[in-house]
């Protein structure tokens, strides 16, 4: 499918949402993006797997990286998109409209039209953000082409209701393993039920109270949740194994080591394996360029509760914020939908700042 970069950001959002790109299957959309930007004379285009980078080389004093992931969580009857009206306000409904193809559409349109921006810009559209960190397109790109990450400031088009969200919580996954002894269900007393042994783990998680942690003037909320449970052999067998997957979202004041210690303390006495971890990012709003951006778009900074790739830029010493259309509460929701007005407002805000600095 060909993408028309002269179309409105709304129409571009519709077009790219209607190209399915569940994590691991981003190639058709990556192909379309590469084809669309490769013909733009003011951009150098680099492809790395299913990640597309397009950048200016105007010799400006500062460079801004602007990134968006092109993958989505699995589709559940919500593609193709459709136009809907909510309380008199037009919305676009469908998978990816919020997380985060509306942001990607805005970026594509501006990449095509801003031929003489006030700063040099590195646009990044990458794959596999919604899955484990080892597959993330930015992770793989940074390993092979660290030179592409040279920037004074970074903006992620993650959904933020058109406001600026600074930093992000970190995220960690752990597996809690419970062991038992198999037996015939008719003689349950002979065995030891591993699923029953999960009860105290679930009780501790259910009793856990989210903490609120202030970091550089923004209040981050933590959470600890069981997100998956597996176990069982057959309908007439006492199970000898059960696993509970736990997801911990932690404030950016904590390191991954701090987060692991917190999980192990909460679940002391149980077999816990950490399977995935990604550090959070401090807000970084004290940087002059970040303050200029916030003032230009007229936003009041808020914390980002979910993990985003601002953390990758933050780890490189690059201040980074989230700024995109869509309500983050609707990310991954089957009723995902984005207000048309927010798409237009974010395009307007980015265009003004990038053109007039």
Protein backbone atom coordinates (compact mmCIF):
# COMPACT_ATOMS: atom_id res chain seq x y z
CA UNK A 1 0.00 0.00 0.00
CA UNK A 2 1.24 3.49 -0.88
CA UNK A 3 1.09 6.20 1.79
CA UNK A 4 0.14 9.70 0.59
CA UNK A 5 2.14 12.12 2.75
CA UNK A 6 0.21 15.07 1.29
CA UNK A 7 -2.94 13.74 3.00
CA UNK A 8 -4.11 15.09 6.35
CA UNK A 9 -2.74 13.61 9.55
CA UNK A 10 -6.19 12.11 10.15
CA UNK A 11 -6.22 10.38 6.78
CA UNK A 12 -2.66 9.18 7.30
CA UNK A 13 -3.66 7.78 10.69
CA UNK A 14 -6.52 5.92 9.06
CA UNK A 15 -4.26 4.55 6.34
CA UNK A 16 -1.52 3.23 8.62
CA UNK A 17 -3.99 1.82 11.15
CA UNK A 18 -5.59 -0.17 8.35
CA UNK A 19 -2.22 -1.82 7.65
CA UNK A 20 -2.04 -4.48 10.41
CA UNK A 21 1.30 -4.41 12.20
CA UNK A 22 1.05 -6.53 15.33
CA UNK A 23 4.47 -6.92 16.98
CA UNK A 24 6.58 -9.20 14.81
CA UNK A 25 4.57 -8.50 11.66
CA UNK A 26 5.54 -4.89 10.96
CA UNK A 27 7.22 -5.44 7.58
CA UNK A 28 4.30 -4.31 5.34
CA UNK A 29 3.96 -1.04 7.26
CA UNK A 30 7.73 -0.55 7.43
CA UNK A 31 7.89 -1.08 3.65
CA UNK A 32 5.16 1.53 3.12
CA UNK A 33 6.91 4.08 5.36
CA UNK A 34 10.26 3.53 3.69
CA UNK A 35 8.72 3.94 0.25
CA UNK A 36 6.93 7.13 1.30
CA UNK A 37 9.96 8.92 2.77
CA UNK A 38 12.62 7.64 0.38
CA UNK A 39 11.51 10.08 -2.30
CA UNK A 40 12.01 13.15 -0.08
CA UNK A 41 15.17 14.96 -1.18
CA UNK A 42 15.74 16.72 2.15
CA UNK A 43 15.98 13.45 4.11
CA UNK A 44 18.62 10.76 4.37
CA UNK A 45 16.82 7.44 4.85
CA UNK A 46 18.30 4.43 6.67
CA UNK A 47 16.56 1.08 7.14
CA UNK A 48 17.56 -1.31 9.92
CA UNK A 49 15.36 -4.39 9.94
CA UNK A 50 11.84 -2.99 10.20
CA UNK A 51 13.00 0.29 11.70
CA UNK A 52 13.08 3.33 9.41
CA UNK A 53 15.21 6.42 10.15
CA UNK A 54 14.97 9.65 8.15
CA UNK A 55 17.08 12.67 9.04
CA UNK A 56 17.96 16.15 7.90
CA UNK A 57 21.54 17.40 7.60
CA UNK A 58 21.19 21.18 7.57
CA UNK A 59 24.04 22.02 9.92
CA UNK A 60 21.77 23.40 12.63
CA UNK A 61 23.18 24.03 16.12
CA UNK A 62 20.82 21.50 17.71
CA UNK A 63 19.29 18.18 16.71
CA UNK A 64 15.99 16.72 17.91
CA UNK A 65 15.09 13.02 17.69
CA UNK A 66 11.38 12.34 17.18
CA UNK A 67 10.33 8.69 17.39
CA UNK A 68 7.29 6.47 17.23
CA UNK A 69 6.74 2.72 17.24
CA UNK A 70 4.80 1.18 14.38
CA UNK A 71 3.66 -2.05 16.07
CA UNK A 72 0.44 -2.68 17.97
CA UNK A 73 -0.89 -5.24 20.39
CA UNK A 74 -3.04 -8.00 18.80
CA UNK A 75 -6.13 -7.01 16.81
CA UNK A 76 -9.50 -8.00 18.25
CA UNK A 77 -12.12 -7.09 15.69
CA UNK A 78 -11.02 -3.44 15.65
CA UNK A 79 -9.48 -3.15 12.18
CA UNK A 80 -10.36 -1.54 9.81
CA UNK A 81 -10.81 1.83 11.47
CA UNK A 82 -14.04 3.77 11.41
CA UNK A 83 -15.17 7.32 12.12
CA UNK A 84 -17.33 7.75 15.21
CA UNK A 85 -18.86 10.66 17.09
CA UNK A 86 -18.67 11.00 20.88
CA UNK A 87 -20.64 13.85 22.43
CA UNK A 88 -20.42 15.80 19.21
CA UNK A 89 -16.67 15.35 18.82
CA UNK A 90 -15.31 13.34 15.86
CA UNK A 91 -13.02 10.41 16.72
CA UNK A 92 -11.18 7.73 14.77
CA UNK A 93 -11.79 4.26 16.25
CA UNK A 94 -9.64 1.16 15.84
CA UNK A 95 -6.51 -0.69 16.87
CA UNK A 96 -3.46 1.56 16.94
CA UNK A 97 -5.33 4.86 16.78
CA UNK A 98 -4.12 5.66 20.30
CA UNK A 99 -1.02 3.50 20.70
CA UNK A 100 0.44 5.02 18.67
CA UNK A 101 -0.26 5.37 14.99
CA UNK A 102 -1.87 8.80 15.28
CA UNK A 103 1.47 10.03 16.63
CA UNK A 104 3.31 8.23 13.82
CA UNK A 105 1.00 9.82 11.23
CA UNK A 106 1.72 13.32 12.56
CA UNK A 107 5.44 12.58 12.42
CA UNK A 108 5.26 11.30 8.84
CA UNK A 109 3.38 14.36 7.64
CA UNK A 110 5.81 16.76 9.33
CA UNK A 111 8.82 14.78 8.10
CA UNK A 112 7.58 15.35 4.54
CA UNK A 113 6.64 19.01 4.92
CA UNK A 114 9.34 20.47 7.20
CA UNK A 115 12.09 20.88 4.61
CA UNK A 116 13.76 23.80 6.42
CA UNK A 117 13.19 23.30 10.17
CA UNK A 118 14.89 25.43 12.83
CA UNK A 119 16.70 22.35 14.16
CA UNK A 120 18.03 19.24 12.50
CA UNK A 121 15.61 16.36 13.00
CA UNK A 122 16.11 12.61 13.19
CA UNK A 123 12.79 10.85 12.63
CA UNK A 124 12.60 7.23 13.86
CA UNK A 125 9.81 4.72 13.19
CA UNK A 126 10.59 1.41 14.85
CA UNK A 127 9.25 -2.08 15.46
CA UNK A 128 8.63 -4.42 18.42
CA UNK A 129 7.98 -1.86 21.16
CA UNK A 130 5.07 -3.82 22.64
CA UNK A 131 7.13 -6.95 23.39
CA UNK A 132 10.28 -7.81 25.32
CA UNK A 133 13.09 -5.27 25.33
CA UNK A 134 15.52 -7.58 23.49
CA UNK A 135 13.41 -7.30 20.30
CA UNK A 136 12.84 -3.55 20.46
CA UNK A 137 13.82 -1.84 17.22
CA UNK A 138 15.48 1.08 19.02
CA UNK A 139 17.54 -1.30 21.15
CA UNK A 140 18.84 -3.10 18.07
CA UNK A 141 19.43 0.15 16.18
CA UNK A 142 21.37 1.67 19.09
CA UNK A 143 23.62 -1.39 19.23
CA UNK A 144 24.54 -1.16 15.53
CA UNK A 145 24.23 2.56 14.80
CA UNK A 146 24.79 4.59 17.98
CA UNK A 147 25.66 7.59 15.80
CA UNK A 148 21.97 7.90 14.86
CA UNK A 149 21.11 8.67 18.49
CA UNK A 150 23.11 11.88 18.71
CA UNK A 151 20.56 14.52 19.75
CA UNK A 152 20.00 17.34 22.20
CA UNK A 153 16.38 16.43 22.92
CA UNK A 154 13.96 13.61 22.08
CA UNK A 155 10.19 13.44 21.69
CA UNK A 156 8.23 10.18 21.71
CA UNK A 157 4.80 10.37 20.08
CA UNK A 158 3.25 8.14 22.74
CA UNK A 159 -0.38 8.96 23.67
CA UNK A 160 -0.50 11.77 26.23
CA UNK A 161 -3.84 13.46 25.47
CA UNK A 162 -1.86 16.07 23.58
CA UNK A 163 -0.07 17.07 26.79
CA UNK A 164 3.59 16.68 27.72
CA UNK A 165 4.39 13.69 29.93
CA UNK A 166 7.87 13.70 31.41
CA UNK A 167 9.98 10.60 31.95
CA UNK A 168 8.32 7.26 32.59
CA UNK A 169 7.99 4.49 35.14
CA UNK A 170 10.27 1.49 34.85
CA UNK A 171 8.85 -1.98 34.27
CA UNK A 172 9.92 -5.43 35.45
CA UNK A 173 8.50 -8.90 34.91
CA UNK A 174 9.03 -11.85 37.22
CA UNK A 175 7.90 -15.47 37.36
CA UNK A 176 6.93 -16.99 40.70
CA UNK A 177 7.15 -20.79 40.60
CA UNK A 178 5.20 -23.08 42.93
CA UNK A 179 6.00 -26.80 43.12
CA UNK A 180 3.79 -29.70 44.23
CA UNK A 181 3.37 -33.44 43.81
CA UNK A 182 1.14 -35.07 41.19
CA UNK A 183 -1.60 -37.46 42.27
CA UNK A 184 -4.97 -38.72 41.10
CA UNK A 185 -7.65 -36.14 41.84
CA UNK A 186 -9.75 -38.87 43.52
CA UNK A 187 -6.95 -39.23 46.07
CA UNK A 188 -5.92 -35.60 46.36
CA UNK A 189 -4.48 -36.09 49.84
CA UNK A 190 -1.65 -38.18 48.38
CA UNK A 191 -0.37 -35.26 46.29
CA UNK A 192 0.48 -31.61 46.95
CA UNK A 193 -1.49 -29.10 44.88
CA UNK A 194 0.83 -26.49 43.35
CA UNK A 195 -2.07 -24.25 42.31
CA UNK A 196 -3.32 -24.11 45.90
CA UNK A 197 0.16 -23.04 46.95
CA UNK A 198 -0.28 -19.94 44.80
CA UNK A 199 -2.88 -18.57 47.20
CA UNK A 200 -0.48 -16.71 49.55
CA UNK A 201 1.36 -15.19 46.56
CA UNK A 202 -1.90 -13.88 45.14
CA UNK A 203 -2.93 -12.63 48.59
CA UNK A 204 0.26 -10.57 48.91
CA UNK A 205 -0.25 -9.10 45.46
CA UNK A 206 -3.94 -8.34 46.14
CA UNK A 207 -3.01 -6.56 49.37
CA UNK A 208 -0.24 -4.52 47.73
CA UNK A 209 -0.96 -0.80 47.75
CA UNK A 210 0.38 1.37 44.95
CA UNK A 211 2.97 3.88 46.07
CA UNK A 212 3.14 7.48 44.87
CA UNK A 213 6.67 8.79 44.47
CA UNK A 214 7.63 12.41 43.73
CA UNK A 215 10.46 12.78 41.22
CA UNK A 216 11.60 16.25 40.14
CA UNK A 217 8.20 17.75 40.81
CA UNK A 218 6.11 15.03 39.11
CA UNK A 219 4.18 12.40 41.08
CA UNK A 220 4.61 8.85 39.72
CA UNK A 221 2.30 6.02 40.78
CA UNK A 222 3.65 2.49 41.09
CA UNK A 223 1.83 -0.83 40.76
CA UNK A 224 2.46 -4.56 41.30
CA UNK A 225 0.15 -6.97 39.50
CA UNK A 226 -0.29 -10.63 38.65
CA UNK A 227 -0.74 -10.61 34.88
CA UNK A 228 -0.75 -14.34 34.04
CA UNK A 229 -1.12 -17.67 35.84
CA UNK A 230 -0.49 -21.14 34.43
CA UNK A 231 -0.76 -24.63 35.89
CA UNK A 232 -2.58 -27.91 35.62
CA UNK A 233 -2.06 -31.22 33.89
CA UNK A 234 -5.48 -32.76 33.31
CA UNK A 235 -8.96 -32.66 34.74
CA UNK A 236 -8.27 -35.61 37.04
CA UNK A 237 -4.68 -34.85 38.12
CA UNK A 238 -3.44 -32.83 41.09
CA UNK A 239 -0.98 -30.34 39.53
CA UNK A 240 2.68 -30.43 40.46
CA UNK A 241 3.57 -26.99 39.05
CA UNK A 242 2.10 -23.49 38.89
CA UNK A 243 3.60 -20.24 37.63
CA UNK A 244 2.47 -16.67 38.27
CA UNK A 245 3.80 -13.85 36.10
CA UNK A 246 4.11 -10.55 37.95
CA UNK A 247 4.54 -7.07 36.44
CA UNK A 248 5.99 -4.28 38.58
CA UNK A 249 5.81 -0.64 37.45
CA UNK A 250 8.27 1.41 39.47
CA UNK A 251 9.04 5.11 39.80
CA UNK A 252 12.04 6.47 37.86
CA UNK A 253 13.81 7.24 41.13
CA UNK A 254 14.42 3.49 41.46
CA UNK A 255 16.98 1.47 39.55
CA UNK A 256 16.23 -1.98 38.17
CA UNK A 257 18.27 -3.39 41.05
CA UNK A 258 16.08 -1.49 43.53
CA UNK A 259 12.97 -2.83 41.80
CA UNK A 260 14.22 -6.41 41.91
CA UNK A 261 15.00 -6.10 45.62
CA UNK A 262 11.48 -4.78 46.22
CA UNK A 263 9.87 -7.72 44.38
CA UNK A 264 12.00 -10.27 46.20
CA UNK A 265 11.22 -8.67 49.56
CA UNK A 266 7.48 -8.69 48.87
CA UNK A 267 7.58 -12.33 47.72
CA UNK A 268 10.16 -13.57 50.21
CA UNK A 269 10.03 -17.33 50.69
CA UNK A 270 8.99 -18.08 47.11
CA UNK A 271 10.99 -19.05 44.01
CA UNK A 272 11.19 -15.82 41.97
CA UNK A 273 12.92 -15.37 38.59
CA UNK A 274 13.28 -11.92 37.00
CA UNK A 275 12.58 -12.36 33.29
CA UNK A 276 12.56 -8.83 31.86
CA UNK A 277 13.44 -5.34 33.08
CA UNK A 278 13.54 -1.84 31.65
CA UNK A 279 14.71 1.17 33.62
CA UNK A 280 12.45 4.19 33.92
CA UNK A 281 13.41 7.73 32.93
CA UNK A 282 13.59 10.81 35.09
CA UNK A 283 11.55 13.74 33.71
CA UNK A 284 14.53 15.68 32.31
CA UNK A 285 12.45 18.85 32.20
CA UNK A 286 15.23 20.96 33.68
CA UNK A 287 17.03 21.04 30.30
CA UNK A 288 16.57 24.45 28.61
CA UNK A 289 15.49 22.88 25.31
CA UNK A 290 12.83 20.84 27.14
CA UNK A 291 11.55 23.95 28.88
CA UNK A 292 11.39 25.78 25.55
CA UNK A 293 9.37 22.93 24.06
CA UNK A 294 6.90 22.80 26.97
CA UNK A 295 6.38 26.56 26.77
CA UNK A 296 5.94 26.51 23.00
CA UNK A 297 3.18 23.90 23.04
CA UNK A 298 1.50 25.47 26.07
CA UNK A 299 1.50 22.29 28.14
CA UNK A 300 1.67 21.55 31.85
CA UNK A 301 3.98 18.56 32.34
CA UNK A 302 2.58 15.37 33.85
CA UNK A 303 4.17 12.03 34.78
CA UNK A 304 4.06 9.06 32.40
CA UNK A 305 2.92 5.98 34.31
CA UNK A 306 3.55 3.48 31.53
CA UNK A 307 7.02 2.60 30.26
CA UNK A 308 8.05 4.21 27.00
CA UNK A 309 11.23 4.53 25.00
CA UNK A 310 11.99 7.92 26.54
CA UNK A 311 13.98 5.65 28.89
CA UNK A 312 16.32 4.65 26.05
CA UNK A 313 17.12 8.28 25.28
CA UNK A 314 17.37 9.19 28.96
CA UNK A 315 19.94 6.41 29.46
CA UNK A 316 22.04 8.09 26.76
CA UNK A 317 21.87 11.41 28.58
CA UNK A 318 19.29 12.87 26.18
CA UNK A 319 16.32 14.60 27.87
CA UNK A 320 13.12 13.13 26.44
CA UNK A 321 9.36 13.60 26.79
CA UNK A 322 6.17 11.94 25.58
CA UNK A 323 3.90 14.10 23.40
CA UNK A 324 1.19 12.58 21.26
CA UNK A 325 -2.54 12.38 20.58
CA UNK A 326 -4.77 9.87 22.36
CA UNK A 327 -5.81 8.95 25.87
CA UNK A 328 -3.25 6.55 27.39
CA UNK A 329 -6.09 4.91 29.35
CA UNK A 330 -7.36 3.59 25.99
CA UNK A 331 -4.01 2.15 24.88
CA UNK A 332 -4.46 -1.61 24.22
CA UNK A 333 -8.22 -1.23 24.87
CA UNK A 334 -10.58 -2.85 22.37
CA UNK A 335 -12.42 0.49 22.13
CA UNK A 336 -9.23 2.35 21.22
CA UNK A 337 -10.15 5.72 19.68
CA UNK A 338 -8.50 9.11 19.25
CA UNK A 339 -10.14 12.55 19.06
CA UNK A 340 -9.51 14.18 15.70
CA UNK A 341 -8.93 17.49 17.49
CA UNK A 342 -5.97 16.01 19.39
CA UNK A 343 -4.31 14.78 16.19
CA UNK A 344 -4.61 18.27 14.75
CA UNK A 345 -3.43 19.97 17.95
CA UNK A 346 -0.29 17.84 18.25
CA UNK A 347 0.57 18.42 14.60
CA UNK A 348 0.11 22.15 15.12
CA UNK A 349 2.21 22.19 18.30
CA UNK A 350 5.11 20.24 16.80
CA UNK A 351 5.03 22.18 13.54
CA UNK A 352 5.13 25.54 15.33
CA UNK A 353 8.00 24.59 17.64
CA UNK A 354 10.12 22.91 14.98
CA UNK A 355 9.64 25.78 12.55
CA UNK A 356 10.15 28.78 14.81
CA UNK A 357 12.89 28.04 17.30
